Amino acid sequence: MRFLIDADLPRDTAVLLASYGHASEDVRDVGMGRAKDPEIAEYARERGSCLLSGDWGFSNIRKFPPQKHHGIVVLGVPDGATGKETLDVLRVLLERPDVIEKLAGRLAVVDKGRIRLRPGL
């Protein structure tokens, strides 16, 4: 899968994704580090990328209807979480290739111990 990494995630996110065989692009590397959420979501959609963020704003399905995107993943990490803690939450998703293959058209909220999908599988 191809992911677009939001600016609120650690730089090592791309390395972790690659270690699981996924391609990625970081908004900071394409001049969108300070872009508004709708611009980031549109950029991901146009490129066929699943958006990966820690920003709860992307979990608003009225603002970002999942069916119009190639997947939206929000990592549920507390404010002040370390990069390692954030990547540990991402690993919860990466260890589930069966979920990853079905992300298109869905919102996934990933916490340390679970993945919630909307719409469900």
PDB file of N, CA and C in Angstrom:
ATOM      1  N   MET A   1       0.842  -1.172   0.000  1.00  0.00           N
ATOM      2  CA  MET A   1       0.000   0.000   0.000  1.00  0.00           C
ATOM      3  C   MET A   1       0.889   1.237   0.000  1.00  0.00           C
ATOM      4  N   ARG A   2       0.341   2.316  -0.513  1.00  0.00           N
ATOM      5  CA  ARG A   2       1.035   3.605  -0.525  1.00  0.00           C
ATOM      6  C   ARG A   2       0.381   4.514   0.518  1.00  0.00           C
ATOM      7  N   PHE A   3       1.206   5.105   1.378  1.00  0.00           N
ATOM      8  CA  PHE A   3       0.715   5.986   2.440  1.00  0.00           C
ATOM      9  C   PHE A   3       1.224   7.405   2.247  1.00  0.00           C
ATOM     10  N   LEU A   4       0.411   8.373   2.667  1.00  0.00           N
ATOM     11  CA  LEU A   4       0.844   9.759   2.797  1.00  0.00           C
ATOM     12  C   LEU A   4       0.941  10.030   4.291  1.00  0.00           C
ATOM     13  N   ILE A   5       2.135  10.388   4.756  1.00  0.00           N
ATOM     14  CA  ILE A   5       2.401  10.594   6.182  1.00  0.00           C
ATOM     15  C   ILE A   5       2.194  12.065   6.517  1.00  0.00           C
ATOM     16  N   ASP A   6       1.345  12.322   7.489  1.00  0.00           N
ATOM     17  CA  ASP A   6       1.074  13.685   7.943  1.00  0.00           C
ATOM     18  C   ASP A   6       2.252  14.204   8.770  1.00  0.00           C
ATOM     19  N   ALA A   7       2.361  15.516   8.853  1.00  0.00           N
ATOM     20  CA  ALA A   7       3.501  16.171   9.514  1.00  0.00           C
ATOM     21  C   ALA A   7       3.555  15.938  11.021  1.00  0.00           C
ATOM     22  N   ASP A   8       2.465  15.471  11.619  1.00  0.00           N
ATOM     23  CA  ASP A   8       2.472  15.265  13.067  1.00  0.00           C
ATOM     24  C   ASP A   8       3.082  13.923  13.473  1.00  0.00           C
ATOM     25  N   LEU A   9       3.480  13.125  12.506  1.00  0.00           N
ATOM     26  CA  LEU A   9       4.073  11.818  12.803  1.00  0.00           C
ATOM     27  C   LEU A   9       5.595  11.887  12.705  1.00  0.00           C
ATOM     28  N   PRO A  10       6.278  10.996  13.424  1.00  0.00           N
ATOM     29  CA  PRO A  10       7.748  11.010  13.403  1.00  0.00           C
ATOM     30  C   PRO A  10       8.312  10.721  12.017  1.00  0.00           C
ATOM     31  N   ARG A  11       9.464  11.259  11.735  1.00  0.00           N
ATOM     32  CA  ARG A  11      10.143  11.014  10.463  1.00  0.00           C
ATOM     33  C   ARG A  11      10.410   9.537  10.243  1.00  0.00           C
ATOM     34  N   ASP A  12      10.635   8.779  11.317  1.00  0.00           N
ATOM     35  CA  ASP A  12      10.907   7.345  11.199  1.00  0.00           C
ATOM     36  C   ASP A  12       9.694   6.545  10.726  1.00  0.00           C
ATOM     37  N   THR A  13       8.557   7.189  10.591  1.00  0.00           N
ATOM     38  CA  THR A  13       7.359   6.498  10.117  1.00  0.00           C
ATOM     39  C   THR A  13       7.605   5.878   8.745  1.00  0.00           C
ATOM     40  N   ALA A  14       8.254   6.606   7.862  1.00  0.00           N
ATOM     41  CA  ALA A  14       8.528   6.096   6.508  1.00  0.00           C
ATOM     42  C   ALA A  14       9.415   4.858   6.554  1.00  0.00           C
ATOM     43  N   VAL A  15      10.393   4.861   7.451  1.00  0.00           N
ATOM     44  CA  VAL A  15      11.304   3.711   7.588  1.00  0.00           C
ATOM     45  C   VAL A  15      10.521   2.485   8.050  1.00  0.00           C
ATOM     46  N   LEU A  16       9.640   2.677   9.031  1.00  0.00           N
ATOM     47  CA  LEU A  16       8.843   1.561   9.532  1.00  0.00           C
ATOM     48  C   LEU A  16       7.911   1.034   8.440  1.00  0.00           C
ATOM     49  N   LEU A  17       7.252   1.923   7.728  1.00  0.00           N
ATOM     50  CA  LEU A  17       6.372   1.483   6.643  1.00  0.00           C
ATOM     51  C   LEU A  17       7.146   0.686   5.600  1.00  0.00           C
ATOM     52  N   ALA A  18       8.314   1.172   5.227  1.00  0.00           N
ATOM     53  CA  ALA A  18       9.140   0.472   4.232  1.00  0.00           C
ATOM     54  C   ALA A  18       9.552  -0.914   4.720  1.00  0.00           C
ATOM     55  N   SER A  19       9.802  -1.049   6.021  1.00  0.00           N
ATOM     56  CA  SER A  19      10.213  -2.349   6.557  1.00  0.00           C
ATOM     57  C   SER A  19       9.093  -3.392   6.446  1.00  0.00           C
ATOM     58  N   TYR A  20       7.853  -2.919   6.276  1.00  0.00           N
ATOM     59  CA  TYR A  20       6.714  -3.815   6.068  1.00  0.00           C
ATOM     60  C   TYR A  20       6.320  -3.894   4.594  1.00  0.00           C
ATOM     61  N   GLY A  21       7.147  -3.291   3.737  1.00  0.00           N
ATOM     62  CA  GLY A  21       6.908  -3.383   2.302  1.00  0.00           C
ATOM     63  C   GLY A  21       5.984  -2.324   1.719  1.00  0.00           C
ATOM     64  N   HIS A  22       5.735  -1.251   2.457  1.00  0.00           N
ATOM     65  CA  HIS A  22       4.826  -0.207   1.991  1.00  0.00           C
ATOM     66  C   HIS A  22       5.588   1.024   1.517  1.00  0.00           C
ATOM     67  N   ALA A  23       5.075   1.640   0.478  1.00  0.00           N
ATOM     68  CA  ALA A  23       5.632   2.898  -0.031  1.00  0.00           C
ATOM     69  C   ALA A  23       5.002   4.051   0.746  1.00  0.00           C
ATOM     70  N   SER A  24       5.727   5.158   0.821  1.00  0.00           N
ATOM     71  CA  SER A  24       5.156   6.317   1.510  1.00  0.00           C
ATOM     72  C   SER A  24       5.758   7.600   0.992  1.00  0.00           C
ATOM     73  N   GLU A  25       5.055   8.658   1.292  1.00  0.00           N
ATOM     74  CA  GLU A  25       5.479  10.011   0.982  1.00  0.00           C
ATOM     75  C   GLU A  25       5.128  10.841   2.208  1.00  0.00           C
ATOM     76  N   ASP A  26       5.986  11.756   2.589  1.00  0.00           N
ATOM     77  CA  ASP A  26       5.779  12.591   3.771  1.00  0.00           C
ATOM     78  C   ASP A  26       5.381  13.983   3.309  1.00  0.00           C
ATOM     79  N   VAL A  27       4.329  14.550   3.901  1.00  0.00           N
ATOM     80  CA  VAL A  27       3.879  15.882   3.491  1.00  0.00           C
ATOM     81  C   VAL A  27       4.986  16.920   3.610  1.00  0.00           C
ATOM     82  N   ARG A  28       5.900  16.726   4.552  1.00  0.00           N
ATOM     83  CA  ARG A  28       6.996  17.681   4.739  1.00  0.00           C
ATOM     84  C   ARG A  28       7.982  17.657   3.581  1.00  0.00           C
ATOM     85  N   ASP A  29       8.009  16.548   2.851  1.00  0.00           N
ATOM     86  CA  ASP A  29       8.940  16.415   1.729  1.00  0.00           C
ATOM     87  C   ASP A  29       8.353  16.903   0.407  1.00  0.00           C
ATOM     88  N   VAL A  30       7.068  17.209   0.401  1.00  0.00           N
ATOM     89  CA  VAL A  30       6.426  17.680  -0.828  1.00  0.00           C
ATOM     90  C   VAL A  30       5.889  19.106  -0.664  1.00  0.00           C
ATOM     91  N   GLY A  31       6.422  19.830   0.331  1.00  0.00           N
ATOM     92  CA  GLY A  31       6.049  21.225   0.529  1.00  0.00           C
ATOM     93  C   GLY A  31       4.692  21.447   1.151  1.00  0.00           C
ATOM     94  N   MET A  32       4.158  20.419   1.842  1.00  0.00           N
ATOM     95  CA  MET A  32       2.840  20.542   2.453  1.00  0.00           C
ATOM     96  C   MET A  32       2.889  20.429   3.974  1.00  0.00           C
ATOM     97  N   GLY A  33       4.047  20.682   4.555  1.00  0.00           N
ATOM     98  CA  GLY A  33       4.197  20.546   5.993  1.00  0.00           C
ATOM     99  C   GLY A  33       3.264  21.426   6.802  1.00  0.00           C
ATOM    100  N   ARG A  34       2.847  22.531   6.244  1.00  0.00           N
ATOM    101  CA  ARG A  34       1.937  23.450   6.937  1.00  0.00           C
ATOM    102  C   ARG A  34       0.573  23.553   6.256  1.00  0.00           C
ATOM    103  N   ALA A  35       0.282  22.602   5.364  1.00  0.00           N
ATOM    104  CA  ALA A  35      -0.982  22.611   4.633  1.00  0.00           C
ATOM    105  C   ALA A  35      -2.155  22.315   5.565  1.00  0.00           C
ATOM    106  N   LYS A  36      -3.303  22.799   5.197  1.00  0.00           N
ATOM    107  CA  LYS A  36      -4.545  22.541   5.940  1.00  0.00           C
ATOM    108  C   LYS A  36      -4.998  21.104   5.673  1.00  0.00           C
ATOM    109  N   ASP A  37      -5.747  20.555   6.625  1.00  0.00           N
ATOM    110  CA  ASP A  37      -6.214  19.173   6.517  1.00  0.00           C
ATOM    111  C   ASP A  37      -6.914  18.860   5.192  1.00  0.00           C
ATOM    112  N   PRO A  38      -7.847  19.706   4.712  1.00  0.00           N
ATOM    113  CA  PRO A  38      -8.506  19.364   3.442  1.00  0.00           C
ATOM    114  C   PRO A  38      -7.527  19.266   2.264  1.00  0.00           C
ATOM    115  N   GLU A  39      -6.491  20.103   2.256  1.00  0.00           N
ATOM    116  CA  GLU A  39      -5.495  20.034   1.187  1.00  0.00           C
ATOM    117  C   GLU A  39      -4.710  18.728   1.257  1.00  0.00           C
ATOM    118  N   ILE A  40      -4.370  18.321   2.469  1.00  0.00           N
ATOM    119  CA  ILE A  40      -3.620  17.074   2.659  1.00  0.00           C
ATOM    120  C   ILE A  40      -4.470  15.877   2.233  1.00  0.00           C
ATOM    121  N   ALA A  41      -5.727  15.877   2.644  1.00  0.00           N
ATOM    122  CA  ALA A  41      -6.625  14.774   2.283  1.00  0.00           C
ATOM    123  C   ALA A  41      -6.794  14.693   0.770  1.00  0.00           C
ATOM    124  N   GLU A  42      -6.931  15.829   0.115  1.00  0.00           N
ATOM    125  CA  GLU A  42      -7.092  15.848  -1.340  1.00  0.00           C
ATOM    126  C   GLU A  42      -5.823  15.368  -2.047  1.00  0.00           C
ATOM    127  N   TYR A  43      -4.676  15.779  -1.553  1.00  0.00           N
ATOM    128  CA  TYR A  43      -3.399  15.337  -2.115  1.00  0.00           C
ATOM    129  C   TYR A  43      -3.298  13.805  -2.044  1.00  0.00           C
ATOM    130  N   ALA A  44      -3.648  13.240  -0.895  1.00  0.00           N
ATOM    131  CA  ALA A  44      -3.608  11.778  -0.736  1.00  0.00           C
ATOM    132  C   ALA A  44      -4.589  11.109  -1.691  1.00  0.00           C
ATOM    133  N   ARG A  45      -5.792  11.659  -1.770  1.00  0.00           N
ATOM    134  CA  ARG A  45      -6.823  11.073  -2.621  1.00  0.00           C
ATOM    135  C   ARG A  45      -6.390  11.080  -4.087  1.00  0.00           C
ATOM    136  N   GLU A  46      -5.865  12.213  -4.542  1.00  0.00           N
ATOM    137  CA  GLU A  46      -5.443  12.336  -5.943  1.00  0.00           C
ATOM    138  C   GLU A  46      -4.329  11.354  -6.303  1.00  0.00           C
ATOM    139  N   ARG A  47      -3.505  10.990  -5.343  1.00  0.00           N
ATOM    140  CA  ARG A  47      -2.383  10.097  -5.610  1.00  0.00           C
ATOM    141  C   ARG A  47      -2.668   8.643  -5.263  1.00  0.00           C
ATOM    142  N   GLY A  48      -3.867   8.362  -4.815  1.00  0.00           N
ATOM    143  CA  GLY A  48      -4.219   6.988  -4.474  1.00  0.00           C
ATOM    144  C   GLY A  48      -3.548   6.494  -3.213  1.00  0.00           C
ATOM    145  N   SER A  49      -3.239   7.435  -2.313  1.00  0.00           N
ATOM    146  CA  SER A  49      -2.545   7.089  -1.063  1.00  0.00           C
ATOM    147  C   SER A  49      -3.514   7.040   0.106  1.00  0.00           C
ATOM    148  N   CYS A  50      -3.209   6.168   1.030  1.00  0.00           N
ATOM    149  CA  CYS A  50      -3.920   6.122   2.300  1.00  0.00           C
ATOM    150  C   CYS A  50      -3.288   7.185   3.199  1.00  0.00           C
ATOM    151  N   LEU A  51      -4.110   8.046   3.772  1.00  0.00           N
ATOM    152  CA  LEU A  51      -3.617   9.106   4.646  1.00  0.00           C
ATOM    153  C   LEU A  51      -3.347   8.540   6.033  1.00  0.00           C
ATOM    154  N   LEU A  52      -2.181   8.815   6.575  1.00  0.00           N
ATOM    155  CA  LEU A  52      -1.764   8.337   7.891  1.00  0.00           C
ATOM    156  C   LEU A  52      -1.452   9.545   8.762  1.00  0.00           C
ATOM    157  N   SER A  53      -2.170   9.684   9.878  1.00  0.00           N
ATOM    158  CA  SER A  53      -2.042  10.882  10.706  1.00  0.00           C
ATOM    159  C   SER A  53      -2.296  10.560  12.173  1.00  0.00           C
ATOM    160  N   GLY A  54      -1.889  11.486  13.001  1.00  0.00           N
ATOM    161  CA  GLY A  54      -2.241  11.436  14.424  1.00  0.00           C
ATOM    162  C   GLY A  54      -3.256  12.512  14.759  1.00  0.00           C
ATOM    163  N   ASP A  55      -3.753  13.190  13.750  1.00  0.00           N
ATOM    164  CA  ASP A  55      -4.679  14.315  13.889  1.00  0.00           C
ATOM    165  C   ASP A  55      -6.117  13.806  13.922  1.00  0.00           C
ATOM    166  N   TRP A  56      -6.776  13.983  15.067  1.00  0.00           N
ATOM    167  CA  TRP A  56      -8.140  13.496  15.233  1.00  0.00           C
ATOM    168  C   TRP A  56      -9.128  14.176  14.296  1.00  0.00           C
ATOM    169  N   GLY A  57      -8.752  15.330  13.730  1.00  0.00           N
ATOM    170  CA  GLY A  57      -9.636  15.999  12.782  1.00  0.00           C
ATOM    171  C   GLY A  57      -9.969  15.120  11.591  1.00  0.00           C
ATOM    172  N   PHE A  58      -9.044  14.258  11.205  1.00  0.00           N
ATOM    173  CA  PHE A  58      -9.285  13.371  10.073  1.00  0.00           C
ATOM    174  C   PHE A  58     -10.283  12.262  10.400  1.00  0.00           C
ATOM    175  N   SER A  59     -10.641  12.098  11.655  1.00  0.00           N
ATOM    176  CA  SER A  59     -11.629  11.073  12.009  1.00  0.00           C
ATOM    177  C   SER A  59     -13.057  11.591  11.857  1.00  0.00           C
ATOM    178  N   ASN A  60     -13.229  12.850  11.485  1.00  0.00           N
ATOM    179  CA  ASN A  60     -14.551  13.434  11.262  1.00  0.00           C
ATOM    180  C   ASN A  60     -15.059  12.954   9.903  1.00  0.00           C
ATOM    181  N   ILE A  61     -15.952  11.967   9.920  1.00  0.00           N
ATOM    182  CA  ILE A  61     -16.401  11.356   8.666  1.00  0.00           C
ATOM    183  C   ILE A  61     -17.318  12.270   7.868  1.00  0.00           C
ATOM    184  N   ARG A  62     -17.843  13.315   8.476  1.00  0.00           N
ATOM    185  CA  ARG A  62     -18.642  14.281   7.701  1.00  0.00           C
ATOM    186  C   ARG A  62     -17.729  15.179   6.879  1.00  0.00           C
ATOM    187  N   LYS A  63     -16.602  15.532   7.462  1.00  0.00           N
ATOM    188  CA  LYS A  63     -15.638  16.391   6.788  1.00  0.00           C
ATOM    189  C   LYS A  63     -14.771  15.598   5.802  1.00  0.00           C
ATOM    190  N   PHE A  64     -14.451  14.369   6.182  1.00  0.00           N
ATOM    191  CA  PHE A  64     -13.599  13.494   5.362  1.00  0.00           C
ATOM    192  C   PHE A  64     -14.291  12.143   5.180  1.00  0.00           C
ATOM    193  N   PRO A  65     -15.304  12.073   4.308  1.00  0.00           N
ATOM    194  CA  PRO A  65     -16.040  10.814   4.122  1.00  0.00           C
ATOM    195  C   PRO A  65     -15.098   9.695   3.648  1.00  0.00           C
ATOM    196  N   PRO A  66     -14.980   8.628   4.409  1.00  0.00           N
ATOM    197  CA  PRO A  66     -14.032   7.566   4.072  1.00  0.00           C
ATOM    198  C   PRO A  66     -14.210   7.001   2.671  1.00  0.00           C
ATOM    199  N   GLN A  67     -15.446   6.885   2.220  1.00  0.00           N
ATOM    200  CA  GLN A  67     -15.699   6.284   0.907  1.00  0.00           C
ATOM    201  C   GLN A  67     -15.104   7.091  -0.241  1.00  0.00           C
ATOM    202  N   LYS A  68     -14.713   8.329   0.004  1.00  0.00           N
ATOM    203  CA  LYS A  68     -14.111   9.157  -1.037  1.00  0.00           C
ATOM    204  C   LYS A  68     -12.584   9.104  -1.024  1.00  0.00           C
ATOM    205  N   HIS A  69     -12.021   8.287  -0.131  1.00  0.00           N
ATOM    206  CA  HIS A  69     -10.569   8.245   0.034  1.00  0.00           C
ATOM    207  C   HIS A  69     -10.043   6.818  -0.112  1.00  0.00           C
ATOM    208  N   HIS A  70      -8.749   6.721  -0.246  1.00  0.00           N
ATOM    209  CA  HIS A  70      -8.083   5.419  -0.371  1.00  0.00           C
ATOM    210  C   HIS A  70      -7.675   4.897   1.000  1.00  0.00           C
ATOM    211  N   GLY A  71      -8.358   5.376   2.007  1.00  0.00           N
ATOM    212  CA  GLY A  71      -8.100   5.000   3.388  1.00  0.00           C
ATOM    213  C   GLY A  71      -7.612   6.193   4.185  1.00  0.00           C
ATOM    214  N   ILE A  72      -8.111   6.291   5.398  1.00  0.00           N
ATOM    215  CA  ILE A  72      -7.654   7.292   6.357  1.00  0.00           C
ATOM    216  C   ILE A  72      -7.355   6.536   7.639  1.00  0.00           C
ATOM    217  N   VAL A  73      -6.137   6.680   8.132  1.00  0.00           N
ATOM    218  CA  VAL A  73      -5.729   6.027   9.376  1.00  0.00           C
ATOM    219  C   VAL A  73      -5.355   7.118  10.371  1.00  0.00           C
ATOM    220  N   VAL A  74      -6.005   7.084  11.535  1.00  0.00           N
ATOM    221  CA  VAL A  74      -5.675   8.005  12.622  1.00  0.00           C
ATOM    222  C   VAL A  74      -5.088   7.168  13.755  1.00  0.00           C
ATOM    223  N   LEU A  75      -3.866   7.528  14.142  1.00  0.00           N
ATOM    224  CA  LEU A  75      -3.214   6.826  15.249  1.00  0.00           C
ATOM    225  C   LEU A  75      -3.620   7.493  16.551  1.00  0.00           C
ATOM    226  N   GLY A  76      -4.207   6.720  17.434  1.00  0.00           N
ATOM    227  CA  GLY A  76      -4.665   7.231  18.722  1.00  0.00           C
ATOM    228  C   GLY A  76      -3.544   7.221  19.743  1.00  0.00           C
ATOM    229  N   VAL A  77      -2.741   8.257  19.714  1.00  0.00           N
ATOM    230  CA  VAL A  77      -1.652   8.388  20.684  1.00  0.00           C
ATOM    231  C   VAL A  77      -1.907   9.621  21.536  1.00  0.00           C
ATOM    232  N   PRO A  78      -1.578   9.559  22.819  1.00  0.00           N
ATOM    233  CA  PRO A  78      -1.809  10.727  23.681  1.00  0.00           C
ATOM    234  C   PRO A  78      -0.873  11.879  23.328  1.00  0.00           C
ATOM    235  N   ASP A  79      -1.312  13.087  23.633  1.00  0.00           N
ATOM    236  CA  ASP A  79      -0.436  14.252  23.460  1.00  0.00           C
ATOM    237  C   ASP A  79       0.857  14.013  24.214  1.00  0.00           C
ATOM    238  N   GLY A  80       1.947  14.370  23.604  1.00  0.00           N
ATOM    239  CA  GLY A  80       3.241  14.200  24.245  1.00  0.00           C
ATOM    240  C   GLY A  80       3.839  12.815  24.102  1.00  0.00           C
ATOM    241  N   ALA A  81       3.187  11.945  23.323  1.00  0.00           N
ATOM    242  CA  ALA A  81       3.731  10.594  23.117  1.00  0.00           C
ATOM    243  C   ALA A  81       5.073  10.698  22.397  1.00  0.00           C
ATOM    244  N   THR A  82       5.967   9.820  22.734  1.00  0.00           N
ATOM    245  CA  THR A  82       7.268   9.797  22.070  1.00  0.00           C
ATOM    246  C   THR A  82       7.114   9.206  20.672  1.00  0.00           C
ATOM    247  N   GLY A  83       8.141   9.397  19.851  1.00  0.00           N
ATOM    248  CA  GLY A  83       8.147   8.802  18.526  1.00  0.00           C
ATOM    249  C   GLY A  83       8.032   7.295  18.589  1.00  0.00           C
ATOM    250  N   LYS A  84       8.728   6.690  19.541  1.00  0.00           N
ATOM    251  CA  LYS A  84       8.671   5.235  19.706  1.00  0.00           C
ATOM    252  C   LYS A  84       7.256   4.779  20.050  1.00  0.00           C
ATOM    253  N   GLU A  85       6.587   5.492  20.949  1.00  0.00           N
ATOM    254  CA  GLU A  85       5.212   5.129  21.322  1.00  0.00           C
ATOM    255  C   GLU A  85       4.273   5.246  20.117  1.00  0.00           C
ATOM    256  N   THR A  86       4.476   6.281  19.317  1.00  0.00           N
ATOM    257  CA  THR A  86       3.655   6.466  18.126  1.00  0.00           C
ATOM    258  C   THR A  86       3.881   5.332  17.134  1.00  0.00           C
ATOM    259  N   LEU A  87       5.132   4.973  16.911  1.00  0.00           N
ATOM    260  CA  LEU A  87       5.432   3.889  15.981  1.00  0.00           C
ATOM    261  C   LEU A  87       4.944   2.535  16.503  1.00  0.00           C
ATOM    262  N   ASP A  88       4.938   2.356  17.813  1.00  0.00           N
ATOM    263  CA  ASP A  88       4.391   1.124  18.393  1.00  0.00           C
ATOM    264  C   ASP A  88       2.903   0.988  18.077  1.00  0.00           C
ATOM    265  N   VAL A  89       2.183   2.111  18.092  1.00  0.00           N
ATOM    266  CA  VAL A  89       0.758   2.076  17.733  1.00  0.00           C
ATOM    267  C   VAL A  89       0.610   1.752  16.251  1.00  0.00           C
ATOM    268  N   LEU A  90       1.438   2.339  15.408  1.00  0.00           N
ATOM    269  CA  LEU A  90       1.384   2.032  13.978  1.00  0.00           C
ATOM    270  C   LEU A  90       1.644   0.547  13.725  1.00  0.00           C
ATOM    271  N   ARG A  91       2.526  -0.057  14.497  1.00  0.00           N
ATOM    272  CA  ARG A  91       2.813  -1.500  14.327  1.00  0.00           C
ATOM    273  C   ARG A  91       1.561  -2.352  14.527  1.00  0.00           C
ATOM    274  N   VAL A  92       0.632  -1.895  15.376  1.00  0.00           N
ATOM    275  CA  VAL A  92      -0.627  -2.628  15.573  1.00  0.00           C
ATOM    276  C   VAL A  92      -1.325  -2.806  14.226  1.00  0.00           C
ATOM    277  N   LEU A  93      -1.332  -1.762  13.410  1.00  0.00           N
ATOM    278  CA  LEU A  93      -1.927  -1.847  12.082  1.00  0.00           C
ATOM    279  C   LEU A  93      -1.061  -2.660  11.134  1.00  0.00           C
ATOM    280  N   LEU A  94       0.227  -2.399  11.136  1.00  0.00           N
ATOM    281  CA  LEU A  94       1.122  -3.065  10.181  1.00  0.00           C
ATOM    282  C   LEU A  94       1.182  -4.574  10.372  1.00  0.00           C
ATOM    283  N   GLU A  95       0.874  -5.034  11.566  1.00  0.00           N
ATOM    284  CA  GLU A  95       0.842  -6.473  11.836  1.00  0.00           C
ATOM    285  C   GLU A  95      -0.454  -7.122  11.340  1.00  0.00           C
ATOM    286  N   ARG A  96      -1.334  -6.305  10.739  1.00  0.00           N
ATOM    287  CA  ARG A  96      -2.615  -6.821  10.241  1.00  0.00           C
ATOM    288  C   ARG A  96      -2.771  -6.561   8.744  1.00  0.00           C
ATOM    289  N   PRO A  97      -2.027  -7.295   7.916  1.00  0.00           N
ATOM    290  CA  PRO A  97      -2.142  -7.085   6.465  1.00  0.00           C
ATOM    291  C   PRO A  97      -3.560  -7.307   5.941  1.00  0.00           C
ATOM    292  N   ASP A  98      -4.339  -8.146   6.638  1.00  0.00           N
ATOM    293  CA  ASP A  98      -5.723  -8.383   6.236  1.00  0.00           C
ATOM    294  C   ASP A  98      -6.562  -7.116   6.363  1.00  0.00           C
ATOM    295  N   VAL A  99      -6.235  -6.263   7.328  1.00  0.00           N
ATOM    296  CA  VAL A  99      -6.935  -4.986   7.497  1.00  0.00           C
ATOM    297  C   VAL A  99      -6.402  -3.966   6.495  1.00  0.00           C
ATOM    298  N   ILE A 100      -5.097  -3.928   6.334  1.00  0.00           N
ATOM    299  CA  ILE A 100      -4.482  -2.964   5.424  1.00  0.00           C
ATOM    300  C   ILE A 100      -5.032  -3.115   4.005  1.00  0.00           C
ATOM    301  N   GLU A 101      -5.208  -4.343   3.560  1.00  0.00           N
ATOM    302  CA  GLU A 101      -5.692  -4.557   2.191  1.00  0.00           C
ATOM    303  C   GLU A 101      -7.125  -4.079   2.004  1.00  0.00           C
ATOM    304  N   LYS A 102      -7.836  -3.799   3.091  1.00  0.00           N
ATOM    305  CA  LYS A 102      -9.236  -3.354   3.002  1.00  0.00           C
ATOM    306  C   LYS A 102      -9.429  -1.911   3.470  1.00  0.00           C
ATOM    307  N   LEU A 103      -8.343  -1.128   3.553  1.00  0.00           N
ATOM    308  CA  LEU A 103      -8.446   0.251   4.048  1.00  0.00           C
ATOM    309  C   LEU A 103      -9.139   1.207   3.085  1.00  0.00           C
ATOM    310  N   ALA A 104      -9.062   0.963   1.797  1.00  0.00           N
ATOM    311  CA  ALA A 104      -9.690   1.876   0.834  1.00  0.00           C
ATOM    312  C   ALA A 104     -11.164   2.058   1.177  1.00  0.00           C
ATOM    313  N   GLY A 105     -11.588   3.320   1.252  1.00  0.00           N
ATOM    314  CA  GLY A 105     -12.980   3.619   1.571  1.00  0.00           C
ATOM    315  C   GLY A 105     -13.323   3.517   3.045  1.00  0.00           C
ATOM    316  N   ARG A 106     -12.302   3.376   3.901  1.00  0.00           N
ATOM    317  CA  ARG A 106     -12.553   3.218   5.339  1.00  0.00           C
ATOM    318  C   ARG A 106     -11.702   4.183   6.163  1.00  0.00           C
ATOM    319  N   LEU A 107     -12.222   4.491   7.338  1.00  0.00           N
ATOM    320  CA  LEU A 107     -11.475   5.181   8.376  1.00  0.00           C
ATOM    321  C   LEU A 107     -11.036   4.124   9.379  1.00  0.00           C
ATOM    322  N   ALA A 108      -9.761   4.133   9.720  1.00  0.00           N
ATOM    323  CA  ALA A 108      -9.246   3.232  10.744  1.00  0.00           C
ATOM    324  C   ALA A 108      -8.675   4.082  11.873  1.00  0.00           C
ATOM    325  N   VAL A 109      -9.164   3.848  13.078  1.00  0.00           N
ATOM    326  CA  VAL A 109      -8.596   4.478  14.265  1.00  0.00           C
ATOM    327  C   VAL A 109      -7.834   3.380  14.994  1.00  0.00           C
ATOM    328  N   VAL A 110      -6.528   3.595  15.135  1.00  0.00           N
ATOM    329  CA  VAL A 110      -5.651   2.568  15.686  1.00  0.00           C
ATOM    330  C   VAL A 110      -5.139   3.030  17.040  1.00  0.00           C
ATOM    331  N   ASP A 111      -5.410   2.216  18.050  1.00  0.00           N
ATOM    332  CA  ASP A 111      -4.901   2.443  19.401  1.00  0.00           C
ATOM    333  C   ASP A 111      -3.906   1.341  19.715  1.00  0.00           C
ATOM    334  N   LYS A 112      -3.281   1.438  20.857  1.00  0.00           N
ATOM    335  CA  LYS A 112      -2.258   0.459  21.248  1.00  0.00           C
ATOM    336  C   LYS A 112      -2.762  -0.981  21.171  1.00  0.00           C
ATOM    337  N   GLY A 113      -4.017  -1.210  21.497  1.00  0.00           N
ATOM    338  CA  GLY A 113      -4.496  -2.584  21.548  1.00  0.00           C
ATOM    339  C   GLY A 113      -5.593  -2.940  20.574  1.00  0.00           C
ATOM    340  N   ARG A 114      -5.980  -2.014  19.672  1.00  0.00           N
ATOM    341  CA  ARG A 114      -7.093  -2.356  18.785  1.00  0.00           C
ATOM    342  C   ARG A 114      -7.146  -1.455  17.562  1.00  0.00           C
ATOM    343  N   ILE A 115      -7.922  -1.934  16.599  1.00  0.00           N
ATOM    344  CA  ILE A 115      -8.169  -1.172  15.375  1.00  0.00           C
ATOM    345  C   ILE A 115      -9.691  -1.090  15.226  1.00  0.00           C
ATOM    346  N   ARG A 116     -10.190   0.131  15.098  1.00  0.00           N
ATOM    347  CA  ARG A 116     -11.622   0.339  14.852  1.00  0.00           C
ATOM    348  C   ARG A 116     -11.787   0.846  13.429  1.00  0.00           C
ATOM    349  N   LEU A 117     -12.672   0.212  12.681  1.00  0.00           N
ATOM    350  CA  LEU A 117     -12.911   0.560  11.279  1.00  0.00           C
ATOM    351  C   LEU A 117     -14.312   1.096  11.079  1.00  0.00           C
ATOM    352  N   ARG A 118     -14.398   2.107  10.213  1.00  0.00           N
ATOM    353  CA  ARG A 118     -15.692   2.627   9.852  1.00  0.00           C
ATOM    354  C   ARG A 118     -15.691   2.844   8.351  1.00  0.00           C
ATOM    355  N   PRO A 119     -16.547   2.259   7.561  1.00  0.00           N
ATOM    356  CA  PRO A 119     -17.425   1.185   8.012  1.00  0.00           C
ATOM    357  C   PRO A 119     -16.622  -0.083   8.334  1.00  0.00           C
ATOM    358  N   GLY A 120     -17.227  -0.913   9.137  1.00  0.00           N
ATOM    359  CA  GLY A 120     -16.575  -2.148   9.570  1.00  0.00           C
ATOM    360  C   GLY A 120     -16.384  -3.120   8.417  1.00  0.00           C
ATOM    361  N   LEU A 121     -15.688  -4.206   8.707  1.00  0.00           N
ATOM    362  CA  LEU A 121     -15.459  -5.237   7.672  1.00  0.00           C
ATOM    363  C   LEU A 121     -16.666  -6.135   7.543  1.00  0.00           C
TER     364      LEU A 121
END
